[in-house]
Every structure is written in C-alpha cells, then in structure tokens.
Amino acid sequence: MSPKGLFNGLEASSTTVAYPNLKELTIEDMKHWEEWVMETSSEDIAVMPLLQRLDIYYCPVLKSVPHQILSQSVRKLFIRNCPELTISCLPPLLEELILDGDAGSFSRSLPFKNNTSLKVLWIQYSPHSTLPQGLSQLKALQTLKILDCNSLTCIPDELQHLTSLRELVIARCPILGPRCEKDVGKDWSIISRIPSIYIY
C-alpha cells in the first residue's frame, strides 16, 4: 500500500473519527515520501484524536505533516533525520520535543511563540554549528539536553531568558562542552544561574 493510501480515503458518510484509539504513531524509512496529504471531504472528521506521541524517522524528502495530525492530544514529538521537513504549526500542548540529526526547519528555528507547554527539549547529533533560534520563546522549558553535537560552537545569549530552565545537560560536544565549564568557559556566564548543569 502506498504511504498516501495508509492515511487517506476517509469517508465522511461512514465515520466521523479516523483511528479513534491510536495513541502512538511511528513513521520510519520512507525514503521517497515527499508529501503527506490527508484529504477529508468534511471538516467534521476527527483524525487520531487520542494521538499522544508522533515519531518521524529517516524521511529525507518529506516536506510537511498534515495539521490534522498535530492535534490537541500530542504531547511528544520525535523527529530524526528529516532535513526537508517544515512544521509551522505545533501541537498546542506539546510537552517534549526531540530533534535528532537534521530535523529540518526545527534545526534552524523553533516556531513557538510564547510557548507555555514545552518542558523538555532534546537536541542530539545536530550537524549544525548553532542551536535553533527561538529558544527564548520557550517560557516553560525546564530541561534542555544537548548530546553528541560535534559542530555546535556556542550557547546563544537568549538562553538567559529561560527563567524556568532547571536542568542543562551537555554531553559529548567537543567544542561546546569546554565553553560551558564552570567559571572558566566562555559561555559560563550565560548558563551559570541554571540550578543543575551536567557537562561530560
């Protein structure tokens, strides 16, 4: 069955809820999948209303996710190596975001305007030299984990504005780690007020 066929062909006359009990969805290794289109003939159809976790791995040409999927119920989103993916509208109650490798538009900028739900952000194996822009918008962020990012060169100043941040973990980041060492690192002044800092 084609990817489009998996998530399409919903009939308004026969159902009002598509995948009513689905709570977790993983999409992986769809090498040639460019467009995820969910055509519904009625706005009254609810799609995956209980979906809490969405994982999208290794979809190198996928460009977008239907807005119906990013519903009120999604709490955890994991994107791994989807360099063309652009998401401009995020689940309003998203609590945890994991960006692994090149996560498309998320690797460059986070489209969270004054977000008050995201509590945990993981950035791992990023090929980029900077963290995503927009971190200062994550008003409720409590934990930031930066792992195995060989190219990251510095901590952005906007991290100082994250007053809810309680834990910062930097692991196996050869350039960034030394810059964040207590008292002597060039970026220590930016992170020094965070209660729990782990660098290894």
Protein backbone atom coordinates (compact mmCIF):
# COMPACT_ATOMS: atom_id res chain seq x y z
CA MET A 1 0.00 0.00 0.00
CA SER A 2 1.30 3.46 -0.78
CA PRO A 3 2.01 5.93 2.04
CA LYS A 4 -0.84 8.08 0.81
CA GLY A 5 -3.20 5.12 0.96
CA LEU A 6 -2.33 4.47 4.57
CA PHE A 7 -3.65 7.79 5.76
CA ASN A 8 -6.19 8.78 3.16
CA GLY A 9 -9.55 7.78 1.78
CA LEU A 10 -11.59 8.81 4.79
CA GLU A 11 -15.34 8.71 4.14
CA ALA A 12 -17.45 11.30 5.91
CA SER A 13 -20.55 9.25 5.31
CA SER A 14 -19.27 6.20 7.18
CA THR A 15 -17.22 7.58 10.03
CA THR A 16 -16.63 10.76 12.00
CA VAL A 17 -13.45 9.62 13.74
CA ALA A 18 -10.42 8.14 11.93
CA TYR A 19 -8.11 5.93 14.02
CA PRO A 20 -10.06 6.73 17.20
CA ASN A 21 -7.86 4.72 19.61
CA LEU A 22 -4.39 5.35 18.18
CA LYS A 23 -2.06 6.80 20.82
CA GLU A 24 1.41 6.34 19.28
CA LEU A 25 2.47 6.55 15.65
CA THR A 26 5.94 5.88 14.24
CA ILE A 27 6.81 6.54 10.60
CA GLU A 28 10.25 5.32 9.54
CA ASP A 29 12.44 4.89 6.45
CA MET A 30 10.07 6.36 3.90
CA LYS A 31 12.88 7.28 1.51
CA HIS A 32 10.77 8.65 -1.35
CA TRP A 33 7.78 10.08 0.53
CA GLU A 34 7.59 13.78 -0.33
CA GLU A 35 4.10 14.80 0.67
CA TRP A 36 1.79 13.61 3.42
CA VAL A 37 -1.66 14.62 2.24
CA MET A 38 -4.76 13.85 4.23
CA GLU A 39 -7.77 14.69 2.12
CA THR A 40 -11.02 14.63 4.02
CA SER A 41 -14.34 15.50 2.47
CA SER A 42 -15.63 17.04 5.66
CA GLU A 43 -14.18 19.22 8.41
CA ASP A 44 -16.27 17.21 10.86
CA ILE A 45 -13.90 14.24 10.68
CA ALA A 46 -11.58 13.92 13.68
CA VAL A 47 -8.23 12.30 12.89
CA MET A 48 -6.32 10.39 15.57
CA PRO A 49 -7.94 12.32 18.42
CA LEU A 50 -6.03 10.40 21.11
CA LEU A 51 -2.58 10.52 19.48
CA GLN A 52 -0.04 11.37 22.18
CA ARG A 53 3.28 10.54 20.55
CA LEU A 54 4.41 11.03 16.96
CA ASP A 55 7.84 9.80 15.76
CA ILE A 56 9.09 10.54 12.26
CA TYR A 57 12.45 8.91 11.39
CA TYR A 58 14.55 8.94 8.24
CA CYS A 59 12.13 10.52 5.80
CA PRO A 60 14.69 12.52 3.79
CA VAL A 61 12.30 14.23 1.35
CA LEU A 62 9.15 14.60 3.46
CA LYS A 63 8.15 18.26 3.45
CA SER A 64 5.23 18.60 5.85
CA VAL A 65 2.82 16.96 8.29
CA PRO A 66 -0.96 17.46 7.98
CA HIS A 67 -2.38 19.86 10.54
CA GLN A 68 -4.96 17.21 11.50
CA ILE A 69 -2.17 15.06 12.96
CA LEU A 70 -0.72 17.77 15.17
CA SER A 71 -3.82 17.85 17.32
CA GLN A 72 -4.59 18.90 20.86
CA SER A 73 -3.64 15.47 22.20
CA VAL A 74 0.00 15.22 21.01
CA ARG A 75 2.39 15.52 23.94
CA LYS A 76 5.65 14.13 22.49
CA LEU A 77 7.20 14.69 19.07
CA PHE A 78 10.40 13.00 17.87
CA ILE A 79 11.96 13.99 14.55
CA ARG A 80 15.08 12.19 13.29
CA ASN A 81 16.89 13.00 10.04
CA CYS A 82 14.10 14.67 8.07
CA PRO A 83 16.08 17.57 6.53
CA GLU A 84 13.27 18.84 4.26
CA LEU A 85 10.53 18.80 6.90
CA THR A 86 8.89 22.12 7.70
CA ILE A 87 6.37 22.40 10.52
CA SER A 88 4.93 25.83 11.24
CA CYS A 89 2.04 24.80 13.48
CA LEU A 90 2.81 22.67 16.51
CA PRO A 91 0.61 20.78 18.94
CA PRO A 92 -0.52 23.39 21.49
CA LEU A 93 0.02 21.04 24.44
CA LEU A 94 3.34 19.55 23.31
CA GLU A 95 5.49 18.77 26.37
CA GLU A 96 8.58 17.06 24.92
CA LEU A 97 10.40 17.64 21.63
CA ILE A 98 13.32 15.52 20.43
CA LEU A 99 15.38 16.71 17.47
CA ASP A 100 17.84 14.10 16.23
CA GLY A 101 20.24 14.81 13.36
CA ASP A 102 18.93 17.26 10.78
CA ALA A 103 15.35 17.93 11.85
CA GLY A 104 14.53 20.29 9.00
CA SER A 105 13.13 23.69 9.90
CA PHE A 106 13.31 22.87 13.62
CA SER A 107 17.08 22.68 13.42
CA ARG A 108 17.13 26.32 12.34
CA SER A 109 14.24 27.92 14.17
CA LEU A 110 11.56 26.91 16.68
CA PRO A 111 8.10 28.22 15.74
CA PHE A 112 6.91 28.50 19.33
CA LYS A 113 5.62 31.96 20.12
CA ASN A 114 5.50 32.37 23.89
CA ASN A 115 5.05 28.63 24.30
CA THR A 116 3.83 27.61 27.76
CA SER A 117 3.65 23.82 27.45
CA LEU A 118 7.05 22.53 26.25
CA LYS A 119 9.03 21.32 29.25
CA VAL A 120 11.75 19.10 27.76
CA LEU A 121 13.87 19.69 24.64
CA TRP A 122 16.49 17.26 23.32
CA ILE A 123 18.93 18.25 20.58
CA GLN A 124 21.21 15.39 19.55
CA TYR A 125 23.56 14.62 16.68
CA SER A 126 22.88 18.03 15.17
CA PRO A 127 25.08 18.74 12.13
CA HIS A 128 24.69 22.49 12.61
CA SER A 129 27.05 24.97 14.26
CA THR A 130 24.30 26.79 16.19
CA LEU A 131 21.28 25.87 18.26
CA PRO A 132 17.85 26.66 16.78
CA GLN A 133 16.71 30.26 17.01
CA GLY A 134 13.69 30.95 19.19
CA LEU A 135 14.77 29.25 22.39
CA SER A 136 13.81 32.35 24.39
CA GLN A 137 10.16 31.74 23.44
CA LEU A 138 10.02 28.50 25.45
CA LYS A 139 8.71 30.07 28.64
CA ALA A 140 8.00 26.76 30.41
CA LEU A 141 11.16 24.86 29.38
CA GLN A 142 12.63 23.03 32.37
CA THR A 143 15.14 20.61 30.81
CA LEU A 144 17.47 21.12 27.84
CA LYS A 145 19.67 18.23 26.74
CA ILE A 146 22.35 18.71 24.07
CA LEU A 147 24.01 15.43 23.14
CA ASP A 148 26.65 14.35 20.60
CA CYS A 149 26.70 17.65 18.71
CA ASN A 150 30.22 17.86 17.29
CA SER A 151 29.71 21.10 15.38
CA LEU A 152 27.95 23.29 17.95
CA THR A 153 30.17 26.25 18.70
CA CYS A 154 28.41 28.26 21.41
CA ILE A 155 25.41 28.77 23.70
CA PRO A 156 23.15 31.58 22.44
CA ASP A 157 22.56 34.59 24.66
CA GLU A 158 18.81 34.02 24.50
CA LEU A 159 19.22 31.08 26.86
CA GLN A 160 19.48 33.66 29.65
CA HIS A 161 15.78 34.45 29.19
CA LEU A 162 14.63 30.92 30.04
CA THR A 163 13.76 31.59 33.66
CA SER A 164 12.04 28.20 34.10
CA LEU A 165 15.10 26.22 32.96
CA ARG A 166 16.22 23.96 35.81
CA GLU A 167 18.47 21.41 34.12
CA LEU A 168 21.05 21.67 31.35
CA VAL A 169 22.87 18.58 30.09
CA ILE A 170 25.73 18.85 27.58
CA ALA A 171 27.28 15.51 26.68
CA ARG A 172 29.93 14.59 24.12
CA CYS A 173 30.03 18.02 22.50
CA PRO A 174 33.76 18.64 21.95
CA ILE A 175 33.53 22.36 21.16
CA LEU A 176 30.54 23.35 23.27
CA GLY A 177 31.48 21.43 26.41
CA PRO A 178 34.67 23.36 27.23
CA ARG A 179 32.89 26.68 26.58
CA CYS A 180 30.42 25.83 29.35
CA GLU A 181 32.87 24.80 32.05
CA LYS A 182 32.22 26.40 35.41
CA ASP A 183 33.86 29.81 35.90
CA VAL A 184 36.35 29.40 33.04
CA GLY A 185 34.24 28.64 29.95
CA LYS A 186 33.40 31.49 27.56
CA ASP A 187 29.68 30.69 27.81
CA TRP A 188 29.56 30.06 31.56
CA SER A 189 28.03 33.48 32.29
CA ILE A 190 25.04 32.61 30.10
CA ILE A 191 24.20 29.40 31.93
CA SER A 192 25.55 29.99 35.45
CA ARG A 193 22.13 30.68 37.02
CA ILE A 194 20.71 27.28 35.94
CA PRO A 195 20.39 25.15 39.13
CA SER A 196 21.57 21.82 37.67
CA ILE A 197 24.26 21.70 34.99
CA TYR A 198 25.86 18.47 33.79
CA ILE A 199 28.73 18.55 31.32
CA TYR A 200 30.54 15.38 30.32
